[in-house]
Amino acid sequence: MGVIEGIIGVLLGIAVGRLWRADARRATADQGPKPVCGCSHHHSMHDPKTGQCHGTVNGRVLQTSSYLDRPVVWDQLPCKCRQYSGPVPLPEYTAQEIVP
């Protein structure tokens, strides 16, 4: 009986693993591409009229880690991006609900 239980356990593990991976692939496929500009800021950070970015970027280092000697805190400067250069997002439309 021990061998049959082991085989059933392995087959059950394979089935669960395949379902889990398929669910993860489906979740990432539903997200689609993100509208990110060359300055690495989202489309929503850019003014629709002027195109200027309202995000911030890292400036000079204000504090470093004593353990690894790496930057920890930066001075935040306004982004110098003047126009959104990423992919153009599709317009969103809303439709009224169809009621019979």
N, C-alpha and C. Protein backbone atom coordinates (compact mmCIF):
# COMPACT_ATOMS: atom_id res chain seq x y z
N MET A 1 0.80 -1.20 0.00
CA MET A 1 0.00 0.00 0.00
C MET A 1 0.84 1.27 0.00
N GLY A 2 2.02 1.24 0.49
CA GLY A 2 2.85 2.43 0.58
C GLY A 2 3.26 2.97 -0.78
N VAL A 3 3.49 2.09 -1.75
CA VAL A 3 3.91 2.51 -3.09
C VAL A 3 2.77 3.21 -3.81
N ILE A 4 1.57 2.65 -3.70
CA ILE A 4 0.41 3.24 -4.37
C ILE A 4 0.09 4.61 -3.78
N GLU A 5 0.16 4.75 -2.47
CA GLU A 5 -0.07 6.04 -1.84
C GLU A 5 0.98 7.05 -2.27
N GLY A 6 2.21 6.62 -2.43
CA GLY A 6 3.28 7.52 -2.90
C GLY A 6 3.03 7.99 -4.32
N ILE A 7 2.60 7.08 -5.19
CA ILE A 7 2.33 7.45 -6.58
C ILE A 7 1.16 8.42 -6.65
N ILE A 8 0.11 8.15 -5.85
CA ILE A 8 -1.04 9.07 -5.82
C ILE A 8 -0.62 10.44 -5.32
N GLY A 9 0.23 10.48 -4.32
CA GLY A 9 0.72 11.76 -3.80
C GLY A 9 1.51 12.55 -4.84
N VAL A 10 2.36 11.86 -5.59
CA VAL A 10 3.15 12.52 -6.63
C VAL A 10 2.24 13.05 -7.73
N LEU A 11 1.29 12.25 -8.19
CA LEU A 11 0.36 12.69 -9.23
C LEU A 11 -0.50 13.87 -8.77
N LEU A 12 -0.94 13.82 -7.53
CA LEU A 12 -1.71 14.93 -6.97
C LEU A 12 -0.87 16.20 -6.90
N GLY A 13 0.39 16.07 -6.52
CA GLY A 13 1.28 17.22 -6.47
C GLY A 13 1.52 17.82 -7.85
N ILE A 14 1.67 16.99 -8.86
CA ILE A 14 1.86 17.48 -10.23
C ILE A 14 0.62 18.23 -10.69
N ALA A 15 -0.57 17.67 -10.42
CA ALA A 15 -1.81 18.31 -10.84
C ALA A 15 -2.00 19.67 -10.17
N VAL A 16 -1.75 19.74 -8.87
CA VAL A 16 -1.89 21.00 -8.15
C VAL A 16 -0.87 22.02 -8.66
N GLY A 17 0.34 21.59 -8.92
CA GLY A 17 1.36 22.50 -9.43
C GLY A 17 1.00 23.07 -10.79
N ARG A 18 0.45 22.26 -11.67
CA ARG A 18 0.04 22.76 -12.99
C ARG A 18 -1.10 23.76 -12.88
N LEU A 19 -2.07 23.49 -12.02
CA LEU A 19 -3.18 24.42 -11.85
C LEU A 19 -2.69 25.74 -11.26
N TRP A 20 -1.78 25.67 -10.31
CA TRP A 20 -1.27 26.86 -9.66
C TRP A 20 -0.51 27.73 -10.66
N ARG A 21 0.35 27.13 -11.47
CA ARG A 21 1.10 27.88 -12.48
C ARG A 21 0.19 28.50 -13.51
N ALA A 22 -0.85 27.77 -13.94
CA ALA A 22 -1.78 28.30 -14.93
C ALA A 22 -2.51 29.51 -14.38
N ASP A 23 -2.87 29.48 -13.10
CA ASP A 23 -3.54 30.61 -12.47
C ASP A 23 -2.62 31.82 -12.41
N ALA A 24 -1.35 31.61 -12.11
CA ALA A 24 -0.38 32.71 -12.05
C ALA A 24 -0.16 33.32 -13.44
N ARG A 25 -0.10 32.48 -14.47
CA ARG A 25 0.07 33.00 -15.84
C ARG A 25 -1.14 33.80 -16.25
N ARG A 26 -2.33 33.34 -15.89
CA ARG A 26 -3.55 34.04 -16.25
C ARG A 26 -3.61 35.40 -15.56
N ALA A 27 -3.16 35.49 -14.31
CA ALA A 27 -3.19 36.75 -13.57
C ALA A 27 -2.24 37.77 -14.19
N THR A 28 -1.06 37.34 -14.63
CA THR A 28 -0.12 38.29 -15.24
C THR A 28 -0.55 38.67 -16.64
N ALA A 29 -1.24 37.79 -17.36
CA ALA A 29 -1.68 38.11 -18.72
C ALA A 29 -2.82 39.12 -18.69
N ASP A 30 -3.63 39.13 -17.64
CA ASP A 30 -4.75 40.05 -17.56
C ASP A 30 -4.31 41.48 -17.30
N GLN A 31 -3.11 41.68 -16.75
CA GLN A 31 -2.66 43.02 -16.42
C GLN A 31 -2.35 43.84 -17.67
N GLY A 32 -1.76 43.24 -18.67
CA GLY A 32 -1.43 43.95 -19.90
C GLY A 32 -0.24 44.87 -19.72
N PRO A 33 0.18 45.55 -20.79
CA PRO A 33 1.32 46.45 -20.69
C PRO A 33 0.98 47.69 -19.88
N LYS A 34 1.96 48.20 -19.18
CA LYS A 34 1.76 49.40 -18.37
C LYS A 34 2.23 50.63 -19.15
N PRO A 35 1.46 51.73 -19.13
CA PRO A 35 1.87 52.94 -19.82
C PRO A 35 2.93 53.70 -19.04
N VAL A 36 4.19 53.34 -19.24
CA VAL A 36 5.29 53.95 -18.51
C VAL A 36 6.15 54.73 -19.49
N CYS A 37 6.49 55.96 -19.14
CA CYS A 37 7.28 56.86 -19.97
C CYS A 37 8.77 56.48 -19.89
N GLY A 38 9.57 57.10 -20.73
CA GLY A 38 11.01 56.88 -20.70
C GLY A 38 11.63 57.34 -19.40
N CYS A 39 10.98 58.24 -18.68
CA CYS A 39 11.50 58.69 -17.38
C CYS A 39 11.10 57.73 -16.26
N SER A 40 10.47 56.61 -16.60
CA SER A 40 10.01 55.55 -15.69
C SER A 40 8.81 55.95 -14.84
N HIS A 41 8.12 57.01 -15.20
CA HIS A 41 6.91 57.41 -14.48
C HIS A 41 5.69 57.00 -15.30
N HIS A 42 4.60 56.72 -14.60
CA HIS A 42 3.35 56.29 -15.22
C HIS A 42 2.71 57.44 -16.00
N HIS A 43 1.84 57.09 -16.93
CA HIS A 43 1.13 58.09 -17.75
C HIS A 43 0.36 59.07 -16.88
N SER A 44 -0.16 58.62 -15.75
CA SER A 44 -0.96 59.48 -14.88
C SER A 44 -0.14 60.57 -14.19
N MET A 45 1.19 60.44 -14.17
CA MET A 45 2.04 61.47 -13.56
C MET A 45 2.28 62.65 -14.49
N HIS A 46 1.86 62.58 -15.75
CA HIS A 46 2.08 63.64 -16.73
C HIS A 46 0.82 64.46 -16.91
N ASP A 47 0.97 65.77 -16.98
CA ASP A 47 -0.15 66.68 -17.18
C ASP A 47 -0.69 66.49 -18.60
N PRO A 48 -2.00 66.26 -18.78
CA PRO A 48 -2.52 66.02 -20.12
C PRO A 48 -2.43 67.23 -21.04
N LYS A 49 -2.44 68.44 -20.49
CA LYS A 49 -2.39 69.64 -21.33
C LYS A 49 -0.97 70.02 -21.72
N THR A 50 -0.08 70.05 -20.76
CA THR A 50 1.30 70.48 -21.05
C THR A 50 2.23 69.31 -21.31
N GLY A 51 1.90 68.12 -20.81
CA GLY A 51 2.75 66.95 -20.99
C GLY A 51 3.88 66.87 -19.97
N GLN A 52 4.03 67.87 -19.11
CA GLN A 52 5.12 67.89 -18.14
C GLN A 52 4.88 66.86 -17.04
N CYS A 53 5.95 66.22 -16.60
CA CYS A 53 5.89 65.18 -15.58
C CYS A 53 5.86 65.82 -14.19
N HIS A 54 5.03 65.26 -13.30
CA HIS A 54 4.93 65.75 -11.93
C HIS A 54 5.58 64.79 -10.94
N GLY A 55 6.34 63.83 -11.44
CA GLY A 55 7.03 62.87 -10.58
C GLY A 55 8.32 63.43 -10.03
N THR A 56 8.99 62.66 -9.19
CA THR A 56 10.28 63.06 -8.63
C THR A 56 11.32 62.01 -8.97
N VAL A 57 12.57 62.43 -8.99
CA VAL A 57 13.69 61.53 -9.24
C VAL A 57 14.70 61.69 -8.12
N ASN A 58 15.59 60.71 -7.97
CA ASN A 58 16.62 60.76 -6.94
C ASN A 58 17.70 61.76 -7.35
N GLY A 59 18.08 62.59 -6.39
CA GLY A 59 19.16 63.55 -6.61
C GLY A 59 20.42 63.08 -5.91
N ARG A 60 21.06 63.99 -5.17
CA ARG A 60 22.29 63.64 -4.47
C ARG A 60 21.99 62.77 -3.25
N VAL A 61 22.97 62.01 -2.84
CA VAL A 61 22.82 61.08 -1.72
C VAL A 61 22.89 61.87 -0.41
N LEU A 62 21.87 61.68 0.44
CA LEU A 62 21.85 62.35 1.73
C LEU A 62 22.35 61.46 2.86
N GLN A 63 22.16 60.15 2.73
CA GLN A 63 22.58 59.23 3.79
C GLN A 63 22.97 57.90 3.17
N THR A 64 24.05 57.29 3.69
CA THR A 64 24.47 55.98 3.21
C THR A 64 24.38 54.97 4.35
N SER A 65 24.26 53.71 3.99
CA SER A 65 24.20 52.64 4.97
C SER A 65 25.59 52.41 5.53
N SER A 66 25.71 52.32 6.83
CA SER A 66 27.02 52.08 7.45
C SER A 66 27.46 50.62 7.26
N TYR A 67 26.50 49.75 7.03
CA TYR A 67 26.81 48.33 6.91
C TYR A 67 27.38 48.00 5.52
N LEU A 68 26.69 48.40 4.46
CA LEU A 68 27.12 48.06 3.10
C LEU A 68 27.69 49.26 2.34
N ASP A 69 27.66 50.43 2.94
CA ASP A 69 28.15 51.66 2.32
C ASP A 69 27.44 51.94 0.99
N ARG A 70 26.12 51.75 1.00
CA ARG A 70 25.29 52.02 -0.17
C ARG A 70 24.34 53.18 0.15
N PRO A 71 23.89 53.91 -0.87
CA PRO A 71 22.95 55.01 -0.62
C PRO A 71 21.63 54.49 -0.07
N VAL A 72 21.09 55.21 0.91
CA VAL A 72 19.82 54.85 1.53
C VAL A 72 18.79 55.94 1.30
N VAL A 73 19.18 57.20 1.47
CA VAL A 73 18.26 58.33 1.33
C VAL A 73 18.83 59.29 0.29
N TRP A 74 17.97 59.67 -0.67
CA TRP A 74 18.36 60.61 -1.71
C TRP A 74 17.54 61.89 -1.57
N ASP A 75 18.11 62.96 -2.09
CA ASP A 75 17.37 64.21 -2.22
C ASP A 75 16.41 64.05 -3.39
N GLN A 76 15.13 64.37 -3.20
CA GLN A 76 14.13 64.19 -4.25
C GLN A 76 14.02 65.47 -5.08
N LEU A 77 14.23 65.34 -6.38
CA LEU A 77 14.17 66.47 -7.31
C LEU A 77 13.00 66.27 -8.27
N PRO A 78 12.43 67.37 -8.78
CA PRO A 78 11.35 67.20 -9.76
C PRO A 78 11.89 66.59 -11.06
N CYS A 79 11.06 65.78 -11.70
CA CYS A 79 11.46 65.12 -12.95
C CYS A 79 11.54 66.17 -14.06
N LYS A 80 12.56 66.06 -14.91
CA LYS A 80 12.76 67.04 -15.97
C LYS A 80 12.11 66.63 -17.29
N CYS A 81 11.32 65.55 -17.26
CA CYS A 81 10.64 65.08 -18.46
C CYS A 81 9.63 66.15 -18.89
N ARG A 82 9.64 66.53 -20.16
CA ARG A 82 8.77 67.58 -20.67
C ARG A 82 7.54 67.06 -21.40
N GLN A 83 7.59 65.78 -21.82
CA GLN A 83 6.48 65.24 -22.58
C GLN A 83 6.44 63.73 -22.39
N TYR A 84 5.25 63.18 -22.29
CA TYR A 84 5.09 61.73 -22.15
C TYR A 84 5.54 61.08 -23.44
N SER A 85 6.43 60.09 -23.33
CA SER A 85 6.97 59.44 -24.53
C SER A 85 6.70 57.94 -24.55
N GLY A 86 5.85 57.46 -23.66
CA GLY A 86 5.55 56.02 -23.61
C GLY A 86 4.43 55.64 -24.55
N PRO A 87 3.97 54.39 -24.45
CA PRO A 87 2.87 53.95 -25.31
C PRO A 87 1.59 54.69 -24.97
N VAL A 88 0.81 55.01 -25.99
CA VAL A 88 -0.43 55.75 -25.79
C VAL A 88 -1.50 54.79 -25.28
N PRO A 89 -2.03 55.05 -24.08
CA PRO A 89 -3.06 54.16 -23.54
C PRO A 89 -4.35 54.30 -24.34
N LEU A 90 -5.09 53.21 -24.45
CA LEU A 90 -6.37 53.24 -25.14
C LEU A 90 -7.38 54.02 -24.31
N PRO A 91 -8.27 54.75 -24.96
CA PRO A 91 -9.29 55.47 -24.19
C PRO A 91 -10.25 54.49 -23.53
N GLU A 92 -10.75 54.89 -22.38
CA GLU A 92 -11.68 54.03 -21.65
C GLU A 92 -13.09 54.53 -21.90
N TYR A 93 -13.96 53.60 -22.21
CA TYR A 93 -15.36 53.93 -22.45
C TYR A 93 -16.21 53.21 -21.43
N THR A 94 -17.32 53.83 -21.07
CA THR A 94 -18.27 53.18 -20.19
C THR A 94 -19.59 53.03 -20.94
N ALA A 95 -20.24 51.94 -20.76
CA ALA A 95 -21.52 51.68 -21.41
C ALA A 95 -22.58 51.44 -20.36
N GLN A 96 -23.78 51.83 -20.72
CA GLN A 96 -24.88 51.61 -19.80
C GLN A 96 -25.21 50.12 -19.75
N GLU A 97 -25.67 49.68 -18.60
CA GLU A 97 -26.00 48.28 -18.41
C GLU A 97 -27.29 47.97 -19.18
N ILE A 98 -27.27 46.86 -19.89
CA ILE A 98 -28.46 46.45 -20.65
C ILE A 98 -29.33 45.62 -19.73
N VAL A 99 -30.56 46.11 -19.52
CA VAL A 99 -31.48 45.44 -18.63
C VAL A 99 -32.66 44.95 -19.47
N PRO A 100 -33.02 43.66 -19.37
CA PRO A 100 -34.15 43.16 -20.18
C PRO A 100 -35.49 43.70 -19.73
